Amino acid sequence: MVKLVAIYRQPENKEEFDRHYKEVHAPLAAKMPGLLKMEVNRVYGTPMGESDLYLIAEMYFENQETLEQGLASSEGRAAGKDLMGFAKKLVTMHFAEVV
């Protein structure tokens, strides 16, 4: 199993970010073909105190091929376009293998 991990830094306007993420972006991402599970985690701190991170989203797929197909689908492209529209400066994306 593999996952696409999106790591978001703190947004300037958390209420606006949360609204867009919940009402627009997450529903778009959830439509990607091959997506088995999506977890969204709000970062509330570190052992040393505050964190510069805000949200971590993990999208699970059976394998790399399925993940790539999901991203290349019309649903995946729509989610990617939306992401670049509201969080381009805040997000980094990573591929990870579940071990």
C-alpha atoms as a PDB file:
ATOM      1  CA  MET A   1       0.000   0.000   0.000  1.00  0.00           C
ATOM      2  CA  VAL A   2       1.137   3.555  -0.737  1.00  0.00           C
ATOM      3  CA  LYS A   3      -0.133   6.972   0.151  1.00  0.00           C
ATOM      4  CA  LEU A   4      -0.025  10.521  -1.034  1.00  0.00           C
ATOM      5  CA  VAL A   5       0.759  12.791   1.908  1.00  0.00           C
ATOM      6  CA  ALA A   6      -0.087  16.495   1.795  1.00  0.00           C
ATOM      7  CA  ILE A   7       1.536  18.602   4.510  1.00  0.00           C
ATOM      8  CA  TYR A   8       0.171  22.109   5.018  1.00  0.00           C
ATOM      9  CA  ARG A   9       1.871  24.949   6.873  1.00  0.00           C
ATOM     10  CA  GLN A  10      -0.135  27.386   8.997  1.00  0.00           C
ATOM     11  CA  PRO A  11      -2.522  29.466   6.829  1.00  0.00           C
ATOM     12  CA  GLU A  12      -3.007  33.171   7.461  1.00  0.00           C
ATOM     13  CA  ASN A  13      -6.783  32.779   7.709  1.00  0.00           C
ATOM     14  CA  LYS A  14      -7.557  29.444   9.382  1.00  0.00           C
ATOM     15  CA  GLU A  15     -11.337  29.821   9.191  1.00  0.00           C
ATOM     16  CA  GLU A  16     -11.263  30.475   5.449  1.00  0.00           C
ATOM     17  CA  PHE A  17      -8.783  27.635   4.891  1.00  0.00           C
ATOM     18  CA  ASP A  18     -10.864  25.184   6.953  1.00  0.00           C
ATOM     19  CA  ARG A  19     -14.065  26.127   5.149  1.00  0.00           C
ATOM     20  CA  HIS A  20     -12.538  25.684   1.701  1.00  0.00           C
ATOM     21  CA  TYR A  21     -10.775  22.464   2.667  1.00  0.00           C
ATOM     22  CA  LYS A  22     -13.899  20.892   4.163  1.00  0.00           C
ATOM     23  CA  GLU A  23     -16.484  22.137   1.673  1.00  0.00           C
ATOM     24  CA  VAL A  24     -14.515  22.112  -1.594  1.00  0.00           C
ATOM     25  CA  HIS A  25     -11.119  20.442  -1.573  1.00  0.00           C
ATOM     26  CA  ALA A  26     -11.675  17.297   0.505  1.00  0.00           C
ATOM     27  CA  PRO A  27     -14.818  16.331  -1.449  1.00  0.00           C
ATOM     28  CA  LEU A  28     -12.892  16.748  -4.727  1.00  0.00           C
ATOM     29  CA  ALA A  29      -9.977  14.640  -3.485  1.00  0.00           C
ATOM     30  CA  ALA A  30     -12.330  11.965  -2.134  1.00  0.00           C
ATOM     31  CA  LYS A  31     -13.636  11.339  -5.672  1.00  0.00           C
ATOM     32  CA  MET A  32     -10.245  10.153  -7.002  1.00  0.00           C
ATOM     33  CA  PRO A  33     -10.534   6.666  -8.480  1.00  0.00           C
ATOM     34  CA  GLY A  34      -8.635   4.035  -6.521  1.00  0.00           C
ATOM     35  CA  LEU A  35      -8.639   6.016  -3.269  1.00  0.00           C
ATOM     36  CA  LEU A  36      -9.074   3.509  -0.440  1.00  0.00           C
ATOM     37  CA  LYS A  37      -9.017   5.842   2.541  1.00  0.00           C
ATOM     38  CA  MET A  38      -8.376   9.473   3.347  1.00  0.00           C
ATOM     39  CA  GLU A  39      -7.234  10.697   6.764  1.00  0.00           C
ATOM     40  CA  VAL A  40      -6.965  14.355   7.685  1.00  0.00           C
ATOM     41  CA  ASN A  41      -4.944  15.261  10.770  1.00  0.00           C
ATOM     42  CA  ARG A  42      -4.828  18.662  12.443  1.00  0.00           C
ATOM     43  CA  VAL A  43      -1.409  19.400  13.938  1.00  0.00           C
ATOM     44  CA  TYR A  44      -1.758  20.909  17.407  1.00  0.00           C
ATOM     45  CA  GLY A  45       1.863  21.097  18.501  1.00  0.00           C
ATOM     46  CA  THR A  46       5.154  19.299  18.986  1.00  0.00           C
ATOM     47  CA  PRO A  47       6.917  17.904  22.061  1.00  0.00           C
ATOM     48  CA  MET A  48       8.834  21.197  22.060  1.00  0.00           C
ATOM     49  CA  GLY A  49       5.745  23.451  21.789  1.00  0.00           C
ATOM     50  CA  GLU A  50       4.166  25.095  18.768  1.00  0.00           C
ATOM     51  CA  SER A  51       4.394  23.775  15.207  1.00  0.00           C
ATOM     52  CA  ASP A  52       4.598  25.604  11.896  1.00  0.00           C
ATOM     53  CA  LEU A  53       2.440  22.809  10.426  1.00  0.00           C
ATOM     54  CA  TYR A  54      -1.347  22.975  10.331  1.00  0.00           C
ATOM     55  CA  LEU A  55      -2.752  19.918   8.569  1.00  0.00           C
ATOM     56  CA  ILE A  56      -1.543  16.562   7.269  1.00  0.00           C
ATOM     57  CA  ALA A  57      -3.745  14.698   4.794  1.00  0.00           C
ATOM     58  CA  GLU A  58      -3.005  11.075   3.890  1.00  0.00           C
ATOM     59  CA  MET A  59      -4.643   9.427   0.878  1.00  0.00           C
ATOM     60  CA  TYR A  60      -4.180   5.665   0.659  1.00  0.00           C
ATOM     61  CA  PHE A  61      -3.993   3.639  -2.563  1.00  0.00           C
ATOM     62  CA  GLU A  62      -3.329  -0.044  -3.246  1.00  0.00           C
ATOM     63  CA  ASN A  63      -0.079   0.640  -5.147  1.00  0.00           C
ATOM     64  CA  GLN A  64       1.899   3.342  -6.970  1.00  0.00           C
ATOM     65  CA  GLU A  65       0.192   2.617 -10.287  1.00  0.00           C
ATOM     66  CA  THR A  66      -3.268   3.118  -8.783  1.00  0.00           C
ATOM     67  CA  LEU A  67      -2.116   6.332  -7.088  1.00  0.00           C
ATOM     68  CA  GLU A  68      -0.735   7.699 -10.352  1.00  0.00           C
ATOM     69  CA  GLN A  69      -3.938   6.764 -12.182  1.00  0.00           C
ATOM     70  CA  GLY A  70      -5.978   8.537  -9.515  1.00  0.00           C
ATOM     71  CA  LEU A  71      -3.889  11.693  -9.833  1.00  0.00           C
ATOM     72  CA  ALA A  72      -4.107  11.599 -13.647  1.00  0.00           C
ATOM     73  CA  SER A  73      -7.893  11.132 -13.654  1.00  0.00           C
ATOM     74  CA  SER A  74     -10.233  14.055 -14.249  1.00  0.00           C
ATOM     75  CA  GLU A  75     -11.102  13.959 -10.534  1.00  0.00           C
ATOM     76  CA  GLY A  76      -7.429  13.992  -9.543  1.00  0.00           C
ATOM     77  CA  ARG A  77      -6.669  16.861 -11.897  1.00  0.00           C
ATOM     78  CA  ALA A  78      -9.640  18.838 -10.512  1.00  0.00           C
ATOM     79  CA  ALA A  79      -8.382  18.306  -6.950  1.00  0.00           C
ATOM     80  CA  GLY A  80      -4.851  19.342  -7.985  1.00  0.00           C
ATOM     81  CA  LYS A  81      -6.094  22.486  -9.708  1.00  0.00           C
ATOM     82  CA  ASP A  82      -8.124  23.424  -6.642  1.00  0.00           C
ATOM     83  CA  LEU A  83      -5.140  22.756  -4.367  1.00  0.00           C
ATOM     84  CA  MET A  84      -2.914  25.091  -6.369  1.00  0.00           C
ATOM     85  CA  GLY A  85      -5.641  27.725  -6.232  1.00  0.00           C
ATOM     86  CA  PHE A  86      -6.018  27.874  -2.459  1.00  0.00           C
ATOM     87  CA  ALA A  87      -2.895  26.340  -0.898  1.00  0.00           C
ATOM     88  CA  LYS A  88      -0.006  26.461  -3.384  1.00  0.00           C
ATOM     89  CA  LYS A  89       2.286  28.350  -1.003  1.00  0.00           C
ATOM     90  CA  LEU A  90       1.282  26.237   2.016  1.00  0.00           C
ATOM     91  CA  VAL A  91       1.471  22.631   0.832  1.00  0.00           C
ATOM     92  CA  THR A  92       4.122  20.045   0.060  1.00  0.00           C
ATOM     93  CA  MET A  93       3.205  16.662  -1.409  1.00  0.00           C
ATOM     94  CA  HIS A  94       4.968  13.355  -0.789  1.00  0.00           C
ATOM     95  CA  PHE A  95       4.649   9.733  -1.899  1.00  0.00           C
ATOM     96  CA  ALA A  96       5.106   7.197   0.901  1.00  0.00           C
ATOM     97  CA  GLU A  97       5.051   3.419   1.099  1.00  0.00           C
ATOM     98  CA  VAL A  98       3.231   1.908   4.058  1.00  0.00           C
ATOM     99  CA  VAL A  99       5.650  -0.559   5.695  1.00  0.00           C
END
